[in-house]
Amino acid sequence: MPVRPVTHFTWQVLRTVKRSKKPLTGRDLRLAPTRNTKDGSFLTALVDQGLLVAVTGSSDIPFEATFSLTEKGQHAAEYGEYEYDLKPKSAPVPAPAPPAPKATVVAKKKR
């Protein structure tokens, strides 16, 4: 399985969750008030990657939901990297075969 490193910000979020004794809300996990964390999509991305799991709440309102670490998230919080599954490439759809050419009869010339 390939290994993927986590960004510094992601690592900080994971470490914050790891140190906490209870699940933290998404608002508590917004460590830096930047434009990338304004809408909470970073929390949804961490859930999609399998690093966090939503204990309560939904992905519609990520700042109100509470989150805890998964086993993969605990490993990433400790070592700064995690294993991920490769998605199999879908086979390209073959183009339809062109229609067979019509057979033409060529008349022979008499000499």
C-alpha atoms as a PDB file:
ATOM      1  CA  MET A   1       0.000   0.000   0.000  1.00  0.00           C
ATOM      2  CA  PRO A   2       1.349   3.446  -0.828  1.00  0.00           C
ATOM      3  CA  VAL A   3       2.035   5.957   1.921  1.00  0.00           C
ATOM      4  CA  ARG A   4       0.810   9.562   1.783  1.00  0.00           C
ATOM      5  CA  PRO A   5       2.267  12.342   3.962  1.00  0.00           C
ATOM      6  CA  VAL A   6      -0.089  14.777   5.678  1.00  0.00           C
ATOM      7  CA  THR A   7       0.267  18.540   5.523  1.00  0.00           C
ATOM      8  CA  HIS A   8       1.380  20.475   8.559  1.00  0.00           C
ATOM      9  CA  PHE A   9      -2.095  21.905   9.133  1.00  0.00           C
ATOM     10  CA  THR A  10      -3.715  18.463   8.849  1.00  0.00           C
ATOM     11  CA  TRP A  11      -1.160  17.069  11.264  1.00  0.00           C
ATOM     12  CA  GLN A  12      -1.974  19.846  13.756  1.00  0.00           C
ATOM     13  CA  VAL A  13      -5.697  19.058  13.524  1.00  0.00           C
ATOM     14  CA  LEU A  14      -5.083  15.346  14.026  1.00  0.00           C
ATOM     15  CA  ARG A  15      -2.791  15.974  16.999  1.00  0.00           C
ATOM     16  CA  THR A  16      -5.429  18.236  18.569  1.00  0.00           C
ATOM     17  CA  VAL A  17      -8.031  15.487  18.277  1.00  0.00           C
ATOM     18  CA  LYS A  18      -5.584  12.909  19.632  1.00  0.00           C
ATOM     19  CA  ARG A  19      -4.779  14.982  22.728  1.00  0.00           C
ATOM     20  CA  SER A  20      -8.422  15.597  23.533  1.00  0.00           C
ATOM     21  CA  LYS A  21     -10.154  13.226  25.927  1.00  0.00           C
ATOM     22  CA  LYS A  22     -13.568  13.831  24.346  1.00  0.00           C
ATOM     23  CA  PRO A  23     -14.679  14.333  20.722  1.00  0.00           C
ATOM     24  CA  LEU A  24     -14.147  17.924  19.584  1.00  0.00           C
ATOM     25  CA  THR A  25     -16.508  20.046  17.535  1.00  0.00           C
ATOM     26  CA  GLY A  26     -15.539  21.202  14.074  1.00  0.00           C
ATOM     27  CA  ARG A  27     -15.375  24.777  15.355  1.00  0.00           C
ATOM     28  CA  ASP A  28     -12.688  23.719  17.859  1.00  0.00           C
ATOM     29  CA  LEU A  29     -10.715  22.078  15.052  1.00  0.00           C
ATOM     30  CA  ARG A  30     -10.528  25.265  12.993  1.00  0.00           C
ATOM     31  CA  LEU A  31      -7.081  26.101  14.330  1.00  0.00           C
ATOM     32  CA  ALA A  32      -6.256  28.787  11.789  1.00  0.00           C
ATOM     33  CA  PRO A  33      -8.955  31.187  10.547  1.00  0.00           C
ATOM     34  CA  THR A  34      -7.911  31.140   6.903  1.00  0.00           C
ATOM     35  CA  ARG A  35      -9.919  31.120   3.712  1.00  0.00           C
ATOM     36  CA  ASN A  36      -9.249  27.380   3.321  1.00  0.00           C
ATOM     37  CA  THR A  37     -10.969  26.607   6.619  1.00  0.00           C
ATOM     38  CA  LYS A  38     -13.827  29.081   6.302  1.00  0.00           C
ATOM     39  CA  ASP A  39     -16.493  26.662   5.068  1.00  0.00           C
ATOM     40  CA  GLY A  40     -15.419  23.506   6.923  1.00  0.00           C
ATOM     41  CA  SER A  41     -14.586  21.558   3.784  1.00  0.00           C
ATOM     42  CA  PHE A  42     -11.251  20.560   5.330  1.00  0.00           C
ATOM     43  CA  LEU A  43     -13.188  18.511   7.894  1.00  0.00           C
ATOM     44  CA  THR A  44     -15.207  16.809   5.181  1.00  0.00           C
ATOM     45  CA  ALA A  45     -11.974  16.020   3.330  1.00  0.00           C
ATOM     46  CA  LEU A  46     -10.479  14.424   6.459  1.00  0.00           C
ATOM     47  CA  VAL A  47     -13.595  12.281   6.879  1.00  0.00           C
ATOM     48  CA  ASP A  48     -13.458  11.288   3.195  1.00  0.00           C
ATOM     49  CA  GLN A  49      -9.793  10.285   3.569  1.00  0.00           C
ATOM     50  CA  GLY A  50     -10.684   8.116   6.547  1.00  0.00           C
ATOM     51  CA  LEU A  51      -8.658  10.070   9.114  1.00  0.00           C
ATOM     52  CA  LEU A  52     -11.626  11.379  11.116  1.00  0.00           C
ATOM     53  CA  VAL A  53     -15.095  10.039  11.817  1.00  0.00           C
ATOM     54  CA  ALA A  54     -18.105  12.181  12.681  1.00  0.00           C
ATOM     55  CA  VAL A  55     -19.440  11.084  16.079  1.00  0.00           C
ATOM     56  CA  THR A  56     -22.452  13.395  15.994  1.00  0.00           C
ATOM     57  CA  GLY A  57     -23.789  15.751  13.362  1.00  0.00           C
ATOM     58  CA  SER A  58     -23.527  15.635   9.599  1.00  0.00           C
ATOM     59  CA  SER A  59     -21.309  16.914   6.831  1.00  0.00           C
ATOM     60  CA  ASP A  60     -23.894  19.588   5.987  1.00  0.00           C
ATOM     61  CA  ILE A  61     -22.883  21.594   9.079  1.00  0.00           C
ATOM     62  CA  PRO A  62     -19.308  20.457   9.833  1.00  0.00           C
ATOM     63  CA  PHE A  63     -18.632  23.069  12.526  1.00  0.00           C
ATOM     64  CA  GLU A  64     -21.481  21.758  14.694  1.00  0.00           C
ATOM     65  CA  ALA A  65     -20.504  18.071  14.328  1.00  0.00           C
ATOM     66  CA  THR A  66     -18.101  16.335  16.725  1.00  0.00           C
ATOM     67  CA  PHE A  67     -15.170  14.322  15.412  1.00  0.00           C
ATOM     68  CA  SER A  68     -12.841  11.608  16.649  1.00  0.00           C
ATOM     69  CA  LEU A  69      -9.865   9.808  15.139  1.00  0.00           C
ATOM     70  CA  THR A  70      -9.947   6.561  13.245  1.00  0.00           C
ATOM     71  CA  GLU A  71      -7.123   4.035  13.483  1.00  0.00           C
ATOM     72  CA  LYS A  72      -5.640   5.477  10.303  1.00  0.00           C
ATOM     73  CA  GLY A  73      -5.972   8.983  11.792  1.00  0.00           C
ATOM     74  CA  GLN A  74      -4.165   7.946  14.966  1.00  0.00           C
ATOM     75  CA  HIS A  75      -1.276   6.639  12.881  1.00  0.00           C
ATOM     76  CA  ALA A  76      -1.188   9.864  10.846  1.00  0.00           C
ATOM     77  CA  ALA A  77      -1.261  11.979  14.014  1.00  0.00           C
ATOM     78  CA  GLU A  78       1.686  10.060  15.407  1.00  0.00           C
ATOM     79  CA  TYR A  79       3.879   9.627  12.325  1.00  0.00           C
ATOM     80  CA  GLY A  80       2.683  12.295   9.861  1.00  0.00           C
ATOM     81  CA  GLU A  81       1.790   9.773   7.151  1.00  0.00           C
ATOM     82  CA  TYR A  82      -0.835   7.144   6.438  1.00  0.00           C
ATOM     83  CA  GLU A  83      -1.489   4.299   4.033  1.00  0.00           C
ATOM     84  CA  TYR A  84      -4.194   4.703   1.437  1.00  0.00           C
ATOM     85  CA  ASP A  85      -5.832   2.465  -1.126  1.00  0.00           C
ATOM     86  CA  LEU A  86      -5.328   3.059  -4.793  1.00  0.00           C
ATOM     87  CA  LYS A  87      -8.511   3.335  -6.753  1.00  0.00           C
ATOM     88  CA  PRO A  88      -8.489   0.955  -9.689  1.00  0.00           C
ATOM     89  CA  LYS A  89      -8.378   2.672 -13.016  1.00  0.00           C
ATOM     90  CA  SER A  90     -11.506   2.099 -14.989  1.00  0.00           C
ATOM     91  CA  ALA A  91     -10.869   0.550 -18.361  1.00  0.00           C
ATOM     92  CA  PRO A  92     -11.375   3.032 -21.172  1.00  0.00           C
ATOM     93  CA  VAL A  93     -14.536   2.482 -23.123  1.00  0.00           C
ATOM     94  CA  PRO A  94     -13.563   1.188 -26.557  1.00  0.00           C
ATOM     95  CA  ALA A  95     -14.769   3.203 -29.503  1.00  0.00           C
ATOM     96  CA  PRO A  96     -17.428   1.512 -31.578  1.00  0.00           C
ATOM     97  CA  ALA A  97     -16.049  -0.356 -34.555  1.00  0.00           C
ATOM     98  CA  PRO A  98     -16.583   1.346 -37.891  1.00  0.00           C
ATOM     99  CA  PRO A  99     -19.114  -0.337 -40.158  1.00  0.00           C
ATOM    100  CA  ALA A 100     -17.718  -3.016 -42.436  1.00  0.00           C
ATOM    101  CA  PRO A 101     -17.027  -1.746 -45.949  1.00  0.00           C
ATOM    102  CA  LYS A 102     -19.410  -2.912 -48.637  1.00  0.00           C
ATOM    103  CA  ALA A 103     -18.012  -5.459 -51.018  1.00  0.00           C
ATOM    104  CA  THR A 104     -17.791  -4.097 -54.517  1.00  0.00           C
ATOM    105  CA  VAL A 105     -17.662  -6.273 -57.585  1.00  0.00           C
ATOM    106  CA  VAL A 106     -15.248  -5.164 -60.233  1.00  0.00           C
ATOM    107  CA  ALA A 107     -15.989  -6.377 -63.728  1.00  0.00           C
ATOM    108  CA  LYS A 108     -13.058  -7.679 -65.691  1.00  0.00           C
ATOM    109  CA  LYS A 109     -12.425  -6.177 -69.056  1.00  0.00           C
ATOM    110  CA  LYS A 110     -12.174  -8.487 -72.001  1.00  0.00           C
ATOM    111  CA  ARG A 111      -9.179  -7.991 -74.164  1.00  0.00           C
END
